[in-house]
Amino acid sequence: MSKISLSKISTRAPKEFDKAETKEKTAAILEELDDLQNLLYAENRHSILIVIQGMDASGKDGVIRNVMGSMNPQGVMVKSFKAPTSEELSHDFLWRIHNHTPAKGMIQVFNRSHYEDILITRVHRWIDDERTKKRVEAINAFERLLEEHNETHILKFYLHISREEQTQRLEERMHNPAKMWKYNEQDFEEAKLWDNYQSAYEDCFEKCNEPEWTIVPSDQNWYKEYVIAKALRDMLKGLKMQFPGLKKE
């Protein structure tokens, strides 16, 4: 795809979206998602992989709680990828990822993902451009494998917040007792690398865009949740799923 410039994309909802009306639409979509996820589980033919990426404090946890939490927990799995362990580092970079891909009938959510291996690793220069290029090729092949051999449908979301909103949210973690548990001094150090991360993400969108990324304006949580819920609803409806009939003995 053509080069994306994140600085030219708004981090806020389009002006025509009303907050109250949008929240009502989201609530209706969440009811649909509960039924559609049940159908996905019953038909046991397709699987869904949802990749959520974004800068620190972009609201990854919140969207998982408020959108994915509307569905039956028996059919939804969430995996948060932290810094790799020593065992994981002794294998190829996709080794720890593959074990968490969704089985048929399941929705799997990645809170951060295999893309960290061409983002933070590149920003901190832990890998060079040649290794990055090879990892990009491996990621594209990996996602094709899931799509072509396991009926896995992939949704990739980048939660797009402004630098000012990130600063406000990080500082809130220092003062709001309900959010202090999220505080990590290292987040402020990573925030200083904002421009480097934006550049790495833009390159990622250009070179790993099949399936394509959705850039989600995320300064306002109500709009972010609407966009993601709607995209998941539309994908599930597009599968034309049916409940299986009685099993013949």
C-alpha atoms as a PDB file:
ATOM      1  CA  MET A   1       0.000   0.000   0.000  1.00  0.00           C
ATOM      2  CA  SER A   2       1.029   3.637  -0.235  1.00  0.00           C
ATOM      3  CA  LYS A   3       2.949   5.169   2.622  1.00  0.00           C
ATOM      4  CA  ILE A   4       0.818   6.202   5.598  1.00  0.00           C
ATOM      5  CA  SER A   5       1.732   9.385   7.468  1.00  0.00           C
ATOM      6  CA  LEU A   6       0.303   9.117  10.968  1.00  0.00           C
ATOM      7  CA  SER A   7       0.836  12.825  11.587  1.00  0.00           C
ATOM      8  CA  LYS A   8      -1.738  13.544   8.871  1.00  0.00           C
ATOM      9  CA  ILE A   9      -4.413  11.274  10.381  1.00  0.00           C
ATOM     10  CA  SER A  10      -6.669  12.696  13.085  1.00  0.00           C
ATOM     11  CA  THR A  11      -6.646  11.006  16.477  1.00  0.00           C
ATOM     12  CA  ARG A  12     -10.219  12.148  17.173  1.00  0.00           C
ATOM     13  CA  ALA A  13     -13.652  11.121  15.938  1.00  0.00           C
ATOM     14  CA  PRO A  14     -14.967  12.777  12.772  1.00  0.00           C
ATOM     15  CA  LYS A  15     -17.090  15.835  13.569  1.00  0.00           C
ATOM     16  CA  GLU A  16     -20.290  14.189  12.326  1.00  0.00           C
ATOM     17  CA  PHE A  17     -20.160  11.584  15.107  1.00  0.00           C
ATOM     18  CA  ASP A  18     -22.193  12.399  18.199  1.00  0.00           C
ATOM     19  CA  LYS A  19     -20.917  10.791  21.400  1.00  0.00           C
ATOM     20  CA  ALA A  20     -24.290   9.756  22.832  1.00  0.00           C
ATOM     21  CA  GLU A  21     -25.602   8.404  19.531  1.00  0.00           C
ATOM     22  CA  THR A  22     -22.380   6.516  18.849  1.00  0.00           C
ATOM     23  CA  LYS A  23     -22.423   4.909  22.288  1.00  0.00           C
ATOM     24  CA  GLU A  24     -25.995   3.734  21.625  1.00  0.00           C
ATOM     25  CA  LYS A  25     -24.886   2.219  18.315  1.00  0.00           C
ATOM     26  CA  THR A  26     -21.980   0.505  20.043  1.00  0.00           C
ATOM     27  CA  ALA A  27     -24.286  -1.005  22.665  1.00  0.00           C
ATOM     28  CA  ALA A  28     -26.480  -2.462  19.894  1.00  0.00           C
ATOM     29  CA  ILE A  29     -23.433  -3.846  18.089  1.00  0.00           C
ATOM     30  CA  LEU A  30     -22.196  -5.498  21.276  1.00  0.00           C
ATOM     31  CA  GLU A  31     -25.513  -7.358  21.557  1.00  0.00           C
ATOM     32  CA  GLU A  32     -25.061  -8.559  17.981  1.00  0.00           C
ATOM     33  CA  LEU A  33     -21.510  -9.652  18.751  1.00  0.00           C
ATOM     34  CA  ASP A  34     -22.697 -11.876  21.567  1.00  0.00           C
ATOM     35  CA  ASP A  35     -24.972 -13.753  19.164  1.00  0.00           C
ATOM     36  CA  LEU A  36     -22.417 -13.844  16.344  1.00  0.00           C
ATOM     37  CA  GLN A  37     -19.677 -15.182  18.603  1.00  0.00           C
ATOM     38  CA  ASN A  38     -22.012 -17.947  19.733  1.00  0.00           C
ATOM     39  CA  LEU A  39     -22.669 -18.803  16.088  1.00  0.00           C
ATOM     40  CA  LEU A  40     -18.945 -18.791  15.311  1.00  0.00           C
ATOM     41  CA  TYR A  41     -18.337 -21.193  18.191  1.00  0.00           C
ATOM     42  CA  ALA A  42     -21.197 -23.498  17.212  1.00  0.00           C
ATOM     43  CA  GLU A  43     -20.341 -23.683  13.514  1.00  0.00           C
ATOM     44  CA  ASN A  44     -16.692 -24.384  14.379  1.00  0.00           C
ATOM     45  CA  ARG A  45     -15.484 -23.576  10.875  1.00  0.00           C
ATOM     46  CA  HIS A  46     -13.786 -20.182  11.100  1.00  0.00           C
ATOM     47  CA  SER A  47     -11.499 -18.515  13.621  1.00  0.00           C
ATOM     48  CA  ILE A  48     -10.766 -14.843  14.272  1.00  0.00           C
ATOM     49  CA  LEU A  49      -7.449 -13.261  15.203  1.00  0.00           C
ATOM     50  CA  ILE A  50      -7.595  -9.679  16.446  1.00  0.00           C
ATOM     51  CA  VAL A  51      -4.269  -7.861  16.649  1.00  0.00           C
ATOM     52  CA  ILE A  52      -4.228  -4.702  18.767  1.00  0.00           C
ATOM     53  CA  GLN A  53      -1.183  -2.464  18.628  1.00  0.00           C
ATOM     54  CA  GLY A  54      -0.575   1.065  19.816  1.00  0.00           C
ATOM     55  CA  MET A  55       1.679   3.338  21.779  1.00  0.00           C
ATOM     56  CA  ASP A  56       1.737   3.037  25.577  1.00  0.00           C
ATOM     57  CA  ALA A  57      -1.537   4.332  27.089  1.00  0.00           C
ATOM     58  CA  SER A  58      -3.398   4.106  23.790  1.00  0.00           C
ATOM     59  CA  GLY A  59      -6.170   2.104  25.481  1.00  0.00           C
ATOM     60  CA  LYS A  60      -5.511  -1.491  24.465  1.00  0.00           C
ATOM     61  CA  ASP A  61      -6.707  -2.954  27.770  1.00  0.00           C
ATOM     62  CA  GLY A  62      -9.831  -0.813  27.788  1.00  0.00           C
ATOM     63  CA  VAL A  63     -11.010  -1.837  24.340  1.00  0.00           C
ATOM     64  CA  ILE A  64     -10.446  -5.500  25.174  1.00  0.00           C
ATOM     65  CA  ARG A  65     -12.496  -5.143  28.352  1.00  0.00           C
ATOM     66  CA  ASN A  66     -15.314  -3.077  26.865  1.00  0.00           C
ATOM     67  CA  VAL A  67     -15.678  -4.745  23.450  1.00  0.00           C
ATOM     68  CA  MET A  68     -14.452  -8.316  23.827  1.00  0.00           C
ATOM     69  CA  GLY A  69     -15.921  -8.546  27.321  1.00  0.00           C
ATOM     70  CA  SER A  70     -19.403  -8.472  25.825  1.00  0.00           C
ATOM     71  CA  MET A  71     -18.980 -12.004  24.467  1.00  0.00           C
ATOM     72  CA  ASN A  72     -18.991 -15.451  26.054  1.00  0.00           C
ATOM     73  CA  PRO A  73     -15.569 -15.938  27.690  1.00  0.00           C
ATOM     74  CA  GLN A  74     -15.599 -19.587  26.597  1.00  0.00           C
ATOM     75  CA  GLY A  75     -15.117 -18.456  23.021  1.00  0.00           C
ATOM     76  CA  VAL A  76     -12.732 -15.527  23.451  1.00  0.00           C
ATOM     77  CA  MET A  77      -9.067 -15.777  24.427  1.00  0.00           C
ATOM     78  CA  VAL A  78      -6.714 -12.870  25.161  1.00  0.00           C
ATOM     79  CA  LYS A  79      -2.938 -13.058  25.088  1.00  0.00           C
ATOM     80  CA  SER A  80      -0.734 -10.155  26.158  1.00  0.00           C
ATOM     81  CA  PHE A  81       2.787 -10.396  24.801  1.00  0.00           C
ATOM     82  CA  LYS A  82       5.418  -8.992  27.140  1.00  0.00           C
ATOM     83  CA  ALA A  83       9.197  -9.019  26.759  1.00  0.00           C
ATOM     84  CA  PRO A  84      10.220 -12.531  25.634  1.00  0.00           C
ATOM     85  CA  THR A  85      11.564 -14.965  28.206  1.00  0.00           C
ATOM     86  CA  SER A  86      14.971 -16.612  27.902  1.00  0.00           C
ATOM     87  CA  GLU A  87      13.284 -19.772  26.616  1.00  0.00           C
ATOM     88  CA  GLU A  88      11.356 -17.809  23.983  1.00  0.00           C
ATOM     89  CA  LEU A  89      14.508 -16.007  22.896  1.00  0.00           C
ATOM     90  CA  SER A  90      16.169 -19.366  22.267  1.00  0.00           C
ATOM     91  CA  HIS A  91      13.612 -20.060  19.494  1.00  0.00           C
ATOM     92  CA  ASP A  92      12.630 -18.184  16.342  1.00  0.00           C
ATOM     93  CA  PHE A  93      10.634 -15.013  17.072  1.00  0.00           C
ATOM     94  CA  LEU A  94       7.299 -16.519  15.954  1.00  0.00           C
ATOM     95  CA  TRP A  95       7.616 -19.619  18.144  1.00  0.00           C
ATOM     96  CA  ARG A  96       5.871 -18.021  21.115  1.00  0.00           C
ATOM     97  CA  ILE A  97       3.190 -16.531  18.875  1.00  0.00           C
ATOM     98  CA  HIS A  98       2.055 -19.615  16.994  1.00  0.00           C
ATOM     99  CA  ASN A  99       0.977 -21.497  20.097  1.00  0.00           C
ATOM    100  CA  HIS A 100      -1.645 -18.819  20.769  1.00  0.00           C
ATOM    101  CA  THR A 101      -3.256 -18.614  17.342  1.00  0.00           C
ATOM    102  CA  PRO A 102      -7.009 -19.308  17.441  1.00  0.00           C
ATOM    103  CA  ALA A 103      -8.555 -22.726  17.011  1.00  0.00           C
ATOM    104  CA  LYS A 104     -11.636 -23.014  14.827  1.00  0.00           C
ATOM    105  CA  GLY A 105     -14.658 -21.459  16.494  1.00  0.00           C
ATOM    106  CA  MET A 106     -12.545 -19.141  18.627  1.00  0.00           C
ATOM    107  CA  ILE A 107     -11.756 -15.445  18.775  1.00  0.00           C
ATOM    108  CA  GLN A 108      -8.175 -14.775  19.839  1.00  0.00           C
ATOM    109  CA  VAL A 109      -7.065 -11.273  20.819  1.00  0.00           C
ATOM    110  CA  PHE A 110      -3.402 -10.282  20.809  1.00  0.00           C
ATOM    111  CA  ASN A 111      -2.644  -7.373  23.148  1.00  0.00           C
ATOM    112  CA  ARG A 112       0.575  -6.424  21.382  1.00  0.00           C
ATOM    113  CA  SER A 113       1.778  -9.155  19.071  1.00  0.00           C
ATOM    114  CA  HIS A 114       4.395 -10.480  16.669  1.00  0.00           C
ATOM    115  CA  TYR A 115       4.651  -6.920  15.366  1.00  0.00           C
ATOM    116  CA  GLU A 116       6.635  -5.935  18.443  1.00  0.00           C
ATOM    117  CA  ASP A 117       9.485  -7.900  16.853  1.00  0.00           C
ATOM    118  CA  ILE A 118       9.762  -5.293  14.092  1.00  0.00           C
ATOM    119  CA  LEU A 119       8.809  -2.283  16.234  1.00  0.00           C
ATOM    120  CA  ILE A 120      10.512  -2.033  19.626  1.00  0.00           C
ATOM    121  CA  THR A 121      13.392  -4.162  18.377  1.00  0.00           C
ATOM    122  CA  ARG A 122      13.928  -1.762  15.504  1.00  0.00           C
ATOM    123  CA  VAL A 123      13.483   1.435  17.521  1.00  0.00           C
ATOM    124  CA  HIS A 124      16.097   0.275  20.019  1.00  0.00           C
ATOM    125  CA  ARG A 125      18.335  -1.063  17.247  1.00  0.00           C
ATOM    126  CA  TRP A 126      18.376  -4.569  18.679  1.00  0.00           C
ATOM    127  CA  ILE A 127      18.063  -5.808  15.101  1.00  0.00           C
ATOM    128  CA  ASP A 128      19.355  -4.244  11.894  1.00  0.00           C
ATOM    129  CA  ASP A 129      17.463  -3.396   8.696  1.00  0.00           C
ATOM    130  CA  GLU A 130      18.356  -6.693   7.037  1.00  0.00           C
ATOM    131  CA  ARG A 131      16.971  -8.721   9.957  1.00  0.00           C
ATOM    132  CA  THR A 132      13.893  -6.502  10.001  1.00  0.00           C
ATOM    133  CA  LYS A 133      13.290  -7.198   6.302  1.00  0.00           C
ATOM    134  CA  LYS A 134      13.481 -10.954   6.905  1.00  0.00           C
ATOM    135  CA  ARG A 135      11.084 -10.706   9.827  1.00  0.00           C
ATOM    136  CA  VAL A 136       8.620  -8.728   7.710  1.00  0.00           C
ATOM    137  CA  GLU A 137       8.684 -11.521   5.127  1.00  0.00           C
ATOM    138  CA  ALA A 138       8.181 -14.119   7.863  1.00  0.00           C
ATOM    139  CA  ILE A 139       5.225 -12.220   9.346  1.00  0.00           C
ATOM    140  CA  ASN A 140       3.513 -11.931   5.966  1.00  0.00           C
ATOM    141  CA  ALA A 141       4.017 -15.657   5.333  1.00  0.00           C
ATOM    142  CA  PHE A 142       2.788 -16.475   8.855  1.00  0.00           C
ATOM    143  CA  GLU A 143      -0.452 -14.544   8.389  1.00  0.00           C
ATOM    144  CA  ARG A 144      -1.038 -16.123   4.977  1.00  0.00           C
ATOM    145  CA  LEU A 145      -0.568 -19.534   6.596  1.00  0.00           C
ATOM    146  CA  LEU A 146      -3.265 -18.791   9.160  1.00  0.00           C
ATOM    147  CA  GLU A 147      -5.676 -17.474   6.545  1.00  0.00           C
ATOM    148  CA  GLU A 148      -5.162 -20.161   3.920  1.00  0.00           C
ATOM    149  CA  HIS A 149      -4.829 -23.254   6.105  1.00  0.00           C
ATOM    150  CA  ASN A 150      -7.058 -22.659   9.132  1.00  0.00           C
ATOM    151  CA  GLU A 151      -9.849 -20.349   7.932  1.00  0.00           C
ATOM    152  CA  THR A 152      -8.446 -17.679  10.253  1.00  0.00           C
ATOM    153  CA  HIS A 153      -9.682 -14.163   9.566  1.00  0.00           C
ATOM    154  CA  ILE A 154      -7.359 -11.430  10.808  1.00  0.00           C
ATOM    155  CA  LEU A 155      -8.274  -7.949  11.998  1.00  0.00           C
ATOM    156  CA  LYS A 156      -5.376  -5.598  12.753  1.00  0.00           C
ATOM    157  CA  PHE A 157      -5.956  -2.382  14.670  1.00  0.00           C
ATOM    158  CA  TYR A 158      -3.543   0.423  15.447  1.00  0.00           C
ATOM    159  CA  LEU A 159      -4.865   2.628  18.268  1.00  0.00           C
ATOM    160  CA  HIS A 160      -3.885   6.106  17.111  1.00  0.00           C
ATOM    161  CA  ILE A 161      -3.526   8.641  19.924  1.00  0.00           C
ATOM    162  CA  SER A 162      -1.909  12.055  19.996  1.00  0.00           C
ATOM    163  CA  ARG A 163       1.305  12.707  21.836  1.00  0.00           C
ATOM    164  CA  GLU A 164      -0.560  15.121  24.133  1.00  0.00           C
ATOM    165  CA  GLU A 165      -3.182  12.496  24.998  1.00  0.00           C
ATOM    166  CA  GLN A 166      -0.493   9.921  25.759  1.00  0.00           C
ATOM    167  CA  THR A 167       1.270  12.336  28.110  1.00  0.00           C
ATOM    168  CA  GLN A 168      -1.992  13.083  29.926  1.00  0.00           C
ATOM    169  CA  ARG A 169      -2.833   9.404  30.341  1.00  0.00           C
ATOM    170  CA  LEU A 170       0.644   8.466  31.560  1.00  0.00           C
ATOM    171  CA  GLU A 171       0.597  11.278  34.108  1.00  0.00           C
ATOM    172  CA  GLU A 172      -2.872  10.219  35.271  1.00  0.00           C
ATOM    173  CA  ARG A 173      -1.385   6.872  36.285  1.00  0.00           C
ATOM    174  CA  MET A 174       0.746   8.732  38.824  1.00  0.00           C
ATOM    175  CA  HIS A 175      -2.226  10.408  40.537  1.00  0.00           C
ATOM    176  CA  ASN A 176      -5.357   8.267  40.029  1.00  0.00           C
ATOM    177  CA  PRO A 177      -5.414   5.444  42.636  1.00  0.00           C
ATOM    178  CA  ALA A 178      -7.452   3.260  40.269  1.00  0.00           C
ATOM    179  CA  LYS A 179      -4.728   3.490  37.626  1.00  0.00           C
ATOM    180  CA  MET A 180      -1.544   3.559  39.696  1.00  0.00           C
ATOM    181  CA  TRP A 181      -1.068  -0.157  39.186  1.00  0.00           C
ATOM    182  CA  LYS A 182      -0.409   0.571  35.502  1.00  0.00           C
ATOM    183  CA  TYR A 183       2.381   3.032  36.253  1.00  0.00           C
ATOM    184  CA  ASN A 184       5.733   2.096  34.785  1.00  0.00           C
ATOM    185  CA  GLU A 185       8.581   4.589  34.803  1.00  0.00           C
ATOM    186  CA  GLN A 186       9.932   3.006  31.619  1.00  0.00           C
ATOM    187  CA  ASP A 187       6.829   4.169  29.736  1.00  0.00           C
ATOM    188  CA  PHE A 188       8.041   7.763  30.042  1.00  0.00           C
ATOM    189  CA  GLU A 189      11.407   6.772  28.581  1.00  0.00           C
ATOM    190  CA  GLU A 190       9.698   5.024  25.667  1.00  0.00           C
ATOM    191  CA  ALA A 191       7.526   8.097  25.115  1.00  0.00           C
ATOM    192  CA  LYS A 192      10.681  10.094  24.352  1.00  0.00           C
ATOM    193  CA  LEU A 193      11.108   7.851  21.298  1.00  0.00           C
ATOM    194  CA  TRP A 194       7.718   8.884  19.888  1.00  0.00           C
ATOM    195  CA  ASP A 195       8.989   9.914  16.441  1.00  0.00           C
ATOM    196  CA  ASN A 196      11.014   6.708  16.069  1.00  0.00           C
ATOM    197  CA  TYR A 197       7.993   4.575  16.912  1.00  0.00           C
ATOM    198  CA  GLN A 198       5.764   6.507  14.519  1.00  0.00           C
ATOM    199  CA  SER A 199       8.257   5.910  11.720  1.00  0.00           C
ATOM    200  CA  ALA A 200       8.527   2.188  12.559  1.00  0.00           C
ATOM    201  CA  TYR A 201       4.736   1.834  12.577  1.00  0.00           C
ATOM    202  CA  GLU A 202       4.398   3.628   9.252  1.00  0.00           C
ATOM    203  CA  ASP A 203       6.896   1.238   7.698  1.00  0.00           C
ATOM    204  CA  CYS A 204       5.019  -1.693   9.234  1.00  0.00           C
ATOM    205  CA  PHE A 205       1.703  -0.523   7.741  1.00  0.00           C
ATOM    206  CA  GLU A 206       3.302  -0.230   4.320  1.00  0.00           C
ATOM    207  CA  LYS A 207       5.018  -3.622   4.274  1.00  0.00           C
ATOM    208  CA  CYS A 208       2.646  -5.812   6.314  1.00  0.00           C
ATOM    209  CA  ASN A 209      -0.750  -4.742   5.037  1.00  0.00           C
ATOM    210  CA  GLU A 210      -2.344  -7.982   3.800  1.00  0.00           C
ATOM    211  CA  PRO A 211      -4.675  -8.173   5.641  1.00  0.00           C
ATOM    212  CA  GLU A 212      -4.775  -4.422   5.943  1.00  0.00           C
ATOM    213  CA  TRP A 213      -4.451  -2.370   9.105  1.00  0.00           C
ATOM    214  CA  THR A 214      -7.222  -0.199  10.484  1.00  0.00           C
ATOM    215  CA  ILE A 215      -5.929   3.075  11.941  1.00  0.00           C
ATOM    216  CA  VAL A 216      -8.335   3.812  14.808  1.00  0.00           C
ATOM    217  CA  PRO A 217      -8.559   7.395  16.128  1.00  0.00           C
ATOM    218  CA  SER A 218      -8.277   6.706  19.856  1.00  0.00           C
ATOM    219  CA  ASP A 219      -8.161   9.946  21.830  1.00  0.00           C
ATOM    220  CA  GLN A 220     -11.859   9.358  22.583  1.00  0.00           C
ATOM    221  CA  ASN A 221     -12.576   5.890  23.933  1.00  0.00           C
ATOM    222  CA  TRP A 222     -16.225   5.907  22.860  1.00  0.00           C
ATOM    223  CA  TYR A 223     -15.262   6.272  19.201  1.00  0.00           C
ATOM    224  CA  LYS A 224     -12.402   3.774  19.388  1.00  0.00           C
ATOM    225  CA  GLU A 225     -14.717   1.122  20.813  1.00  0.00           C
ATOM    226  CA  TYR A 226     -17.339   1.801  18.146  1.00  0.00           C
ATOM    227  CA  VAL A 227     -14.853   1.401  15.273  1.00  0.00           C
ATOM    228  CA  ILE A 228     -13.453  -1.871  16.564  1.00  0.00           C
ATOM    229  CA  ALA A 229     -16.805  -3.373  17.550  1.00  0.00           C
ATOM    230  CA  LYS A 230     -18.282  -2.481  14.159  1.00  0.00           C
ATOM    231  CA  ALA A 231     -15.333  -3.953  12.240  1.00  0.00           C
ATOM    232  CA  LEU A 232     -15.597  -7.229  14.155  1.00  0.00           C
ATOM    233  CA  ARG A 233     -19.394  -7.328  13.727  1.00  0.00           C
ATOM    234  CA  ASP A 234     -19.120  -6.708   9.994  1.00  0.00           C
ATOM    235  CA  MET A 235     -16.485  -9.414   9.555  1.00  0.00           C
ATOM    236  CA  LEU A 236     -18.514 -12.001  11.448  1.00  0.00           C
ATOM    237  CA  LYS A 237     -21.700 -11.192   9.535  1.00  0.00           C
ATOM    238  CA  GLY A 238     -19.791 -11.456   6.277  1.00  0.00           C
ATOM    239  CA  LEU A 239     -18.887 -15.076   7.004  1.00  0.00           C
ATOM    240  CA  LYS A 240     -22.520 -16.109   6.392  1.00  0.00           C
ATOM    241  CA  MET A 241     -22.358 -18.618   9.223  1.00  0.00           C
ATOM    242  CA  GLN A 242     -25.093 -21.141  10.023  1.00  0.00           C
ATOM    243  CA  PHE A 243     -25.832 -23.283  13.032  1.00  0.00           C
ATOM    244  CA  PRO A 244     -25.047 -26.930  12.315  1.00  0.00           C
ATOM    245  CA  GLY A 245     -27.965 -29.335  12.262  1.00  0.00           C
ATOM    246  CA  LEU A 246     -28.383 -32.460  14.314  1.00  0.00           C
ATOM    247  CA  LYS A 247     -25.410 -34.762  14.153  1.00  0.00           C
ATOM    248  CA  LYS A 248     -26.090 -38.049  12.418  1.00  0.00           C
ATOM    249  CA  GLU A 249     -24.974 -41.160  14.253  1.00  0.00           C
END
